[in-house]
Protein backbone atom coordinates (compact mmCIF):
# COMPACT_ATOMS: atom_id res chain seq x y z
CA UNK A 1 -1.31 -7.35 20.58
CA UNK A 2 -2.70 -7.71 17.09
CA UNK A 3 -0.33 -6.73 14.29
CA UNK A 4 -2.88 -4.28 12.91
CA UNK A 5 -2.42 -1.89 15.83
CA UNK A 6 1.15 -0.65 15.10
CA UNK A 7 0.29 -0.58 11.38
CA UNK A 8 -2.88 1.44 11.93
CA UNK A 9 -1.06 3.75 14.34
CA UNK A 10 1.57 4.50 11.73
CA UNK A 11 -1.01 5.09 9.02
CA UNK A 12 -3.04 7.37 11.30
CA UNK A 13 -0.03 9.41 12.40
CA UNK A 14 1.21 10.08 8.88
CA UNK A 15 -0.93 13.19 8.34
CA UNK A 16 0.24 14.66 11.66
CA UNK A 17 3.85 13.84 10.77
CA UNK A 18 3.55 15.64 7.43
CA UNK A 19 1.88 18.68 9.01
CA UNK A 20 4.63 18.73 11.64
CA UNK A 21 7.28 18.78 8.93
CA UNK A 22 5.49 21.57 7.12
CA UNK A 23 5.36 23.66 10.29
CA UNK A 24 8.95 22.90 11.33
CA UNK A 25 10.43 23.73 7.92
CA UNK A 26 7.91 26.50 7.19
CA UNK A 27 7.13 24.88 3.87
CA UNK A 28 3.59 25.42 2.61
CA UNK A 29 4.19 25.03 -1.11
CA UNK A 30 2.09 22.85 -3.37
CA UNK A 31 4.24 19.70 -3.02
CA UNK A 32 3.72 19.22 0.73
CA UNK A 33 0.00 19.96 0.44
CA UNK A 34 -0.44 17.40 -2.35
CA UNK A 35 1.56 14.88 -0.34
CA UNK A 36 -0.54 15.58 2.75
CA UNK A 37 -3.77 15.12 0.82
CA UNK A 38 -2.64 11.87 -0.80
CA UNK A 39 -0.87 10.11 2.07
CA UNK A 40 -3.08 11.59 4.76
CA UNK A 41 -6.25 10.38 3.04
CA UNK A 42 -4.67 7.00 2.38
CA UNK A 43 -3.94 6.60 6.10
CA UNK A 44 -7.55 7.43 7.00
CA UNK A 45 -8.92 5.06 4.36
CA UNK A 46 -6.62 2.27 5.58
CA UNK A 47 -8.03 2.59 9.11
CA UNK A 48 -11.58 2.58 7.73
CA UNK A 49 -10.73 -0.52 5.69
CA UNK A 50 -9.35 -2.17 8.82
CA UNK A 51 -12.75 -1.72 10.43
CA UNK A 52 -15.00 -2.58 7.47
CA UNK A 53 -13.14 -5.37 5.66
CA UNK A 54 -9.97 -6.30 7.59
CA UNK A 55 -7.16 -8.46 6.26
CA UNK A 56 -6.74 -11.61 8.34
CA UNK A 57 -2.94 -11.47 8.16
CA UNK A 58 -2.97 -8.25 10.21
CA UNK A 59 -5.26 -9.79 12.83
CA UNK A 60 -2.62 -12.18 14.16
CA UNK A 61 -1.21 -11.60 17.64
CA UNK A 62 2.44 -10.53 17.94
CA UNK A 63 4.74 -9.58 20.81
CA UNK A 64 5.16 -5.97 21.94
CA UNK A 65 8.83 -5.83 20.78
CA UNK A 66 7.80 -7.11 17.35
CA UNK A 67 4.97 -4.55 17.16
CA UNK A 68 7.48 -1.78 17.95
CA UNK A 69 9.83 -3.16 15.29
CA UNK A 70 7.02 -3.09 12.69
CA UNK A 71 6.18 0.52 13.56
CA UNK A 72 9.84 1.56 13.24
CA UNK A 73 10.30 -0.24 9.91
CA UNK A 74 7.18 1.41 8.54
CA UNK A 75 8.99 4.68 9.24
CA UNK A 76 10.89 4.06 6.00
CA UNK A 77 7.76 5.30 4.25
CA UNK A 78 8.26 8.66 5.96
CA UNK A 79 11.57 9.30 4.17
CA UNK A 80 9.86 10.65 1.05
CA UNK A 81 7.88 13.43 2.77
CA UNK A 82 10.93 14.37 4.84
CA UNK A 83 13.04 14.85 1.71
CA UNK A 84 10.25 16.69 -0.08
CA UNK A 85 9.50 19.11 2.75
CA UNK A 86 12.90 19.63 4.35
CA UNK A 87 14.56 20.07 0.95
CA UNK A 88 11.84 22.50 -0.13
CA UNK A 89 11.46 20.58 -3.38
CA UNK A 90 8.82 21.88 -5.75
CA UNK A 91 7.62 19.04 -8.02
CA UNK A 92 6.73 20.18 -11.55
CA UNK A 93 3.13 19.79 -12.80
CA UNK A 94 3.91 16.56 -14.67
CA UNK A 95 5.27 14.92 -11.49
CA UNK A 96 2.28 16.10 -9.46
CA UNK A 97 -0.14 14.77 -12.06
CA UNK A 98 1.64 11.41 -12.31
CA UNK A 99 1.75 11.00 -8.53
CA UNK A 100 -1.98 11.76 -8.22
CA UNK A 101 -2.83 9.39 -11.07
CA UNK A 102 -0.79 6.57 -9.52
CA UNK A 103 -2.56 7.10 -6.20
CA UNK A 104 -6.06 7.18 -7.68
CA UNK A 105 -5.60 4.07 -9.80
CA UNK A 106 -3.59 2.28 -7.11
CA UNK A 107 -6.23 3.00 -4.47
CA UNK A 108 -8.94 1.55 -6.69
CA UNK A 109 -6.95 -1.65 -7.21
CA UNK A 110 -5.82 -1.97 -3.61
CA UNK A 111 -9.05 -1.25 -1.75
CA UNK A 112 -11.38 -2.60 -4.42
CA UNK A 113 -9.66 -5.99 -4.60
CA UNK A 114 -9.38 -6.26 -0.80
CA UNK A 115 -13.11 -5.57 -0.48
CA UNK A 116 -13.95 -8.12 -3.16
CA UNK A 117 -11.76 -10.76 -1.50
CA UNK A 118 -13.18 -10.13 1.98
CA UNK A 119 -16.86 -10.25 1.06
CA UNK A 120 -16.50 -13.04 -1.50
CA UNK A 121 -14.72 -15.34 0.97
CA UNK A 122 -17.19 -14.38 3.69
CA UNK A 123 -20.14 -15.73 1.72
CA UNK A 124 -18.50 -18.12 -0.77
CA UNK A 125 -15.14 -19.54 0.28
CA UNK A 126 -12.89 -20.80 -2.49
CA UNK A 127 -10.72 -19.64 -5.37
CA UNK A 128 -11.58 -16.14 -6.64
CA UNK A 129 -11.13 -15.91 -10.40
CA UNK A 130 -13.36 -13.01 -11.42
CA UNK A 131 -13.64 -9.25 -11.00
CA UNK A 132 -10.35 -7.68 -9.96
CA UNK A 133 -8.72 -11.12 -9.93
CA UNK A 134 -9.78 -12.23 -13.40
CA UNK A 135 -6.43 -11.44 -15.00
CA UNK A 136 -4.13 -10.83 -12.07
CA UNK A 137 -3.55 -12.76 -8.82
CA UNK A 138 -2.02 -10.01 -6.65
CA UNK A 139 -4.08 -6.95 -7.48
CA UNK A 140 -3.87 -5.51 -3.96
CA UNK A 141 -0.07 -5.59 -3.95
CA UNK A 142 0.13 -3.91 -7.35
CA UNK A 143 -2.25 -1.23 -6.09
CA UNK A 144 -0.22 -0.63 -2.94
CA UNK A 145 2.99 -0.51 -4.98
CA UNK A 146 1.46 2.16 -7.22
CA UNK A 147 0.25 4.18 -4.22
CA UNK A 148 3.63 4.30 -2.49
CA UNK A 149 5.45 4.85 -5.78
CA UNK A 150 3.29 7.94 -6.20
CA UNK A 151 4.31 9.16 -2.75
CA UNK A 152 8.00 8.49 -3.45
CA UNK A 153 7.82 10.25 -6.82
CA UNK A 154 7.03 13.56 -5.13
CA UNK A 155 10.42 13.48 -3.36
CA UNK A 156 12.13 13.68 -6.78
CA UNK A 157 14.89 11.28 -5.68
CA UNK A 158 15.44 7.53 -5.52
CA UNK A 159 16.01 7.78 -1.76
CA UNK A 160 12.31 8.49 -1.32
CA UNK A 161 11.58 5.05 -2.77
CA UNK A 162 13.62 3.10 -0.20
CA UNK A 163 10.51 2.22 1.78
CA UNK A 164 8.58 0.69 -1.09
CA UNK A 165 11.71 -1.11 -2.33
CA UNK A 166 12.35 -2.70 1.07
CA UNK A 167 8.73 -3.79 1.49
CA UNK A 168 8.44 -5.04 -2.08
CA UNK A 169 11.44 -7.33 -1.63
CA UNK A 170 10.94 -8.23 2.02
CA UNK A 171 7.14 -8.50 2.22
CA UNK A 172 5.30 -8.27 -1.09
CA UNK A 173 7.22 -10.94 -3.01
CA UNK A 174 7.30 -13.51 -0.13
CA UNK A 175 3.58 -12.98 0.55
CA UNK A 176 2.67 -13.32 -3.13
CA UNK A 177 4.66 -16.56 -3.41
CA UNK A 178 3.04 -17.85 -0.22
CA UNK A 179 -0.38 -16.98 -1.62
CA UNK A 180 0.29 -18.92 -4.83
CA UNK A 181 1.38 -21.92 -2.78
CA UNK A 182 -1.78 -21.73 -0.68
CA UNK A 183 -4.07 -21.36 -3.70
CA UNK A 184 -2.44 -24.35 -5.42
CA UNK A 185 -4.60 -26.63 -3.23
CA UNK A 186 -7.61 -25.79 -5.39
CA UNK A 187 -8.14 -28.05 -8.45
CA UNK A 188 -8.83 -25.07 -10.74
CA UNK A 189 -5.69 -23.17 -9.75
CA UNK A 190 -3.46 -24.56 -12.51
CA UNK A 191 -5.85 -23.30 -15.19
CA UNK A 192 -6.33 -19.98 -13.37
CA UNK A 193 -2.56 -19.51 -13.06
CA UNK A 194 -2.17 -19.94 -16.82
CA UNK A 195 -4.61 -17.12 -17.62
CA UNK A 196 -3.67 -14.67 -14.86
CA UNK A 197 -0.55 -12.62 -14.17
CA UNK A 198 1.50 -12.87 -10.98
CA UNK A 199 1.92 -9.12 -10.40
CA UNK A 200 0.74 -7.50 -13.64
CA UNK A 201 -2.46 -8.34 -15.53
CA UNK A 202 -2.19 -11.01 -18.21
CA UNK A 203 -4.13 -9.53 -21.10
CA UNK A 204 -3.46 -12.17 -23.76
């Protein structure tokens, strides 16, 4: 099956998982509702993105055991809502505001840059050096990191950030390095690399 299926399944089930936790622990305070709105909407938008401008790396075919493994590993992202809801943690206003801000800005970077990449390469293959990518080469990964950091922040403990830490080290960094290696085949890449940041924007 295509790798996107276990990923999309996990994203789509997140809202139901969070609602289930809220019902099981009888926790209907503001923290769980904010988490449900943020992560639930993100899951829906991810599935929409998969339909409208899919990422080719998730289109590859994998074995059923590997697909199951991916789904289970993605479960690390469900630690944060479990801690938040089962522990009946009530995040203060500043934490709520920061989490929402991270999600809004991260979603713009993540989905905006993925859309730009998909439609630019569809009609004009080559090195993309403008728009979201003018000053930063891995905008989508920074956006996703911000999104999941916002989710983890609501748990009010470092344990809630295990998922993003594992994926940052095990997936984000290797993929970003692989991308740089692939882009190096373009003659203009050396100049582009000098004026763009690897993970954060290079402003000067």
